[in-house]
Amino acid sequence: MSDSINLQHLNDSRYATSSRDKKIVYIFDTAAFLSALQLHIYIGDIVTTPSVVEEVKDSESVLRLEVALAIERFRVETPEPRYIEKAKNIAKNRKLLDKLSQTDLEVIALALQYRDRGFKPTVLTDDYDIQAILKLVGIEFKSVKNIGINRV
């Protein structure tokens, strides 16, 4: 389910919809913005949470984020509270809740929310605990710089 990011793969138009004709949406964690992926992915929608945006602090990354936001390359959405609770419950059942930040839970919640809306979410994150939860619930993820997890 996971492998390191391959920009050609993400930008190839045949990947804009899945085999079930679900529209692909990329959910960005902080690592994706720090790697400036929002400026390199042109197919599909990019969505993140306000808390992810707040985690981007270095001036170069902030500038790239502001440019991408100005040209509407991504949207910022707060996940619905019921999806945050769902993410917490999944993490608690897997004994990972204490390892996840509020931002991590919001990224997972946003992916769950988009899946329930009929999208095929792909989360771009290097966080192994987020990847473990996503693998458990069957949501695709891609590592940004790291190899990613192989099993839960």
Protein backbone atom coordinates (compact mmCIF):
# COMPACT_ATOMS: atom_id res chain seq x y z
CA MET A 1 0.00 0.00 0.00
CA SER A 2 2.85 2.38 0.60
CA ASP A 3 5.96 3.38 -1.20
CA SER A 4 8.05 6.50 -1.44
CA ILE A 5 6.59 9.32 -3.45
CA ASN A 6 6.94 9.16 -7.20
CA LEU A 7 5.82 12.46 -8.72
CA GLN A 8 5.43 11.04 -12.21
CA HIS A 9 3.08 8.40 -10.84
CA LEU A 10 1.02 11.02 -9.02
CA ASN A 11 0.83 13.33 -12.01
CA ASP A 12 0.03 10.71 -14.63
CA SER A 13 -3.55 11.50 -15.69
CA ARG A 14 -4.58 7.85 -15.62
CA TYR A 15 -4.27 8.02 -11.82
CA ALA A 16 -6.72 10.91 -11.48
CA THR A 17 -9.50 8.40 -10.79
CA SER A 18 -9.30 4.94 -9.34
CA SER A 19 -10.45 1.74 -10.96
CA ARG A 20 -13.80 2.25 -9.23
CA ASP A 21 -14.10 5.78 -10.68
CA LYS A 22 -13.58 7.43 -7.31
CA LYS A 23 -11.88 10.80 -7.50
CA ILE A 24 -8.48 10.82 -5.87
CA VAL A 25 -7.76 13.37 -3.19
CA TYR A 26 -4.34 13.85 -1.62
CA ILE A 27 -4.36 14.55 2.10
CA PHE A 28 -1.14 16.33 3.08
CA ASP A 29 0.64 15.94 6.40
CA THR A 30 3.35 18.45 7.32
CA ALA A 31 6.16 16.47 5.64
CA ALA A 32 4.49 16.88 2.24
CA PHE A 33 4.50 20.67 2.58
CA LEU A 34 8.08 20.73 3.85
CA SER A 35 9.02 18.84 0.67
CA ALA A 36 7.06 21.36 -1.47
CA LEU A 37 4.94 18.62 -3.04
CA GLN A 38 2.01 21.03 -3.37
CA LEU A 39 3.97 22.70 -6.16
CA HIS A 40 4.66 19.43 -7.99
CA ILE A 41 1.34 17.58 -8.02
CA TYR A 42 -1.03 18.78 -10.73
CA ILE A 43 -3.63 16.03 -10.92
CA GLY A 44 -6.22 15.55 -8.20
CA ASP A 45 -7.20 17.71 -5.28
CA ILE A 46 -4.91 18.46 -2.35
CA VAL A 47 -6.46 18.99 1.08
CA THR A 48 -4.98 19.52 4.53
CA THR A 49 -6.02 20.62 7.99
CA PRO A 50 -5.46 23.99 9.68
CA SER A 51 -3.18 22.35 12.26
CA VAL A 52 -0.90 21.01 9.50
CA VAL A 53 -0.59 24.51 8.06
CA GLU A 54 0.29 25.82 11.53
CA GLU A 55 3.12 23.27 11.81
CA VAL A 56 4.88 24.70 8.75
CA LYS A 57 7.25 27.19 10.35
CA ASP A 58 10.46 27.68 8.37
CA SER A 59 10.36 30.76 6.14
CA GLU A 60 11.06 28.95 2.85
CA SER A 61 8.30 26.38 3.43
CA VAL A 62 5.88 29.09 4.58
CA LEU A 63 6.54 31.06 1.39
CA ARG A 64 5.93 27.98 -0.81
CA LEU A 65 2.79 27.21 1.15
CA GLU A 66 1.50 30.77 0.71
CA VAL A 67 2.18 30.69 -3.04
CA ALA A 68 0.37 27.38 -3.41
CA LEU A 69 -2.57 28.67 -1.39
CA ALA A 70 -2.72 31.87 -3.47
CA ILE A 71 -2.91 29.88 -6.71
CA GLU A 72 -5.49 27.54 -5.11
CA ARG A 73 -3.28 24.44 -5.33
CA PHE A 74 -4.76 23.10 -2.09
CA ARG A 75 -7.63 23.61 0.33
CA VAL A 76 -7.61 23.77 4.11
CA GLU A 77 -10.47 21.94 5.82
CA THR A 78 -11.27 21.09 9.40
CA PRO A 79 -12.49 17.49 9.72
CA GLU A 80 -15.92 16.97 11.21
CA PRO A 81 -15.83 16.20 14.96
CA ARG A 82 -17.34 12.74 14.45
CA TYR A 83 -14.40 11.76 12.23
CA ILE A 84 -11.91 13.01 14.80
CA GLU A 85 -13.69 10.81 17.37
CA LYS A 86 -13.59 7.90 14.92
CA ALA A 87 -9.85 8.41 14.42
CA LYS A 88 -9.33 8.55 18.20
CA ASN A 89 -11.29 5.33 18.71
CA ILE A 90 -9.31 3.49 16.04
CA ALA A 91 -6.03 4.72 17.53
CA LYS A 92 -7.15 3.82 21.05
CA ASN A 93 -8.09 0.27 19.96
CA ARG A 94 -4.62 -0.14 18.41
CA LYS A 95 -2.94 1.36 21.50
CA LEU A 96 -1.53 4.20 19.40
CA LEU A 97 -3.57 7.10 20.78
CA ASP A 98 -0.79 8.31 23.09
CA LYS A 99 1.64 8.41 20.14
CA LEU A 100 -0.54 10.63 17.95
CA SER A 101 -0.78 14.40 18.12
CA GLN A 102 -4.01 16.30 17.53
CA THR A 103 -2.68 17.15 14.06
CA ASP A 104 -2.09 13.44 13.34
CA LEU A 105 -5.64 12.62 14.41
CA GLU A 106 -7.03 15.38 12.20
CA VAL A 107 -5.11 14.08 9.16
CA ILE A 108 -6.50 10.58 9.76
CA ALA A 109 -9.99 12.02 10.35
CA LEU A 110 -9.86 13.99 7.09
CA ALA A 111 -8.89 10.84 5.18
CA LEU A 112 -11.78 8.90 6.78
CA GLN A 113 -14.17 11.75 5.98
CA TYR A 114 -13.15 11.90 2.32
CA ARG A 115 -13.42 8.13 1.98
CA ASP A 116 -16.98 8.30 3.33
CA ARG A 117 -17.73 11.06 0.80
CA GLY A 118 -16.89 8.63 -2.01
CA PHE A 119 -13.33 9.77 -2.71
CA LYS A 120 -10.17 7.65 -2.81
CA PRO A 121 -7.89 9.47 -0.34
CA THR A 122 -4.12 9.07 -0.44
CA VAL A 123 -2.33 10.50 2.59
CA LEU A 124 1.19 11.85 2.07
CA THR A 125 3.01 11.40 5.38
CA ASP A 126 6.26 10.12 6.85
CA ASP A 127 4.66 9.46 10.23
CA TYR A 128 4.78 5.70 10.88
CA ASP A 129 1.96 5.79 13.43
CA ILE A 130 -0.35 7.55 10.97
CA GLN A 131 0.68 5.01 8.33
CA ALA A 132 -0.14 2.12 10.71
CA ILE A 133 -3.65 3.46 11.32
CA LEU A 134 -4.24 4.10 7.62
CA LYS A 135 -3.06 0.62 6.69
CA LEU A 136 -5.39 -0.84 9.31
CA VAL A 137 -8.44 0.98 7.89
CA GLY A 138 -7.49 0.41 4.24
CA ILE A 139 -6.63 3.98 3.25
CA GLU A 140 -3.71 4.42 0.88
CA PHE A 141 -0.68 6.42 1.92
CA LYS A 142 2.63 7.44 0.39
CA SER A 143 5.79 8.24 2.25
CA VAL A 144 7.37 11.54 1.36
CA LYS A 145 11.03 10.88 2.18
CA ASN A 146 11.09 7.67 4.20
CA ILE A 147 10.44 4.13 3.02
CA GLY A 148 7.19 3.72 4.95
CA ILE A 149 5.81 0.80 6.91
CA ASN A 150 5.47 -2.70 5.52
CA ARG A 151 3.19 -4.20 8.14
CA VAL A 152 1.19 -3.28 11.23
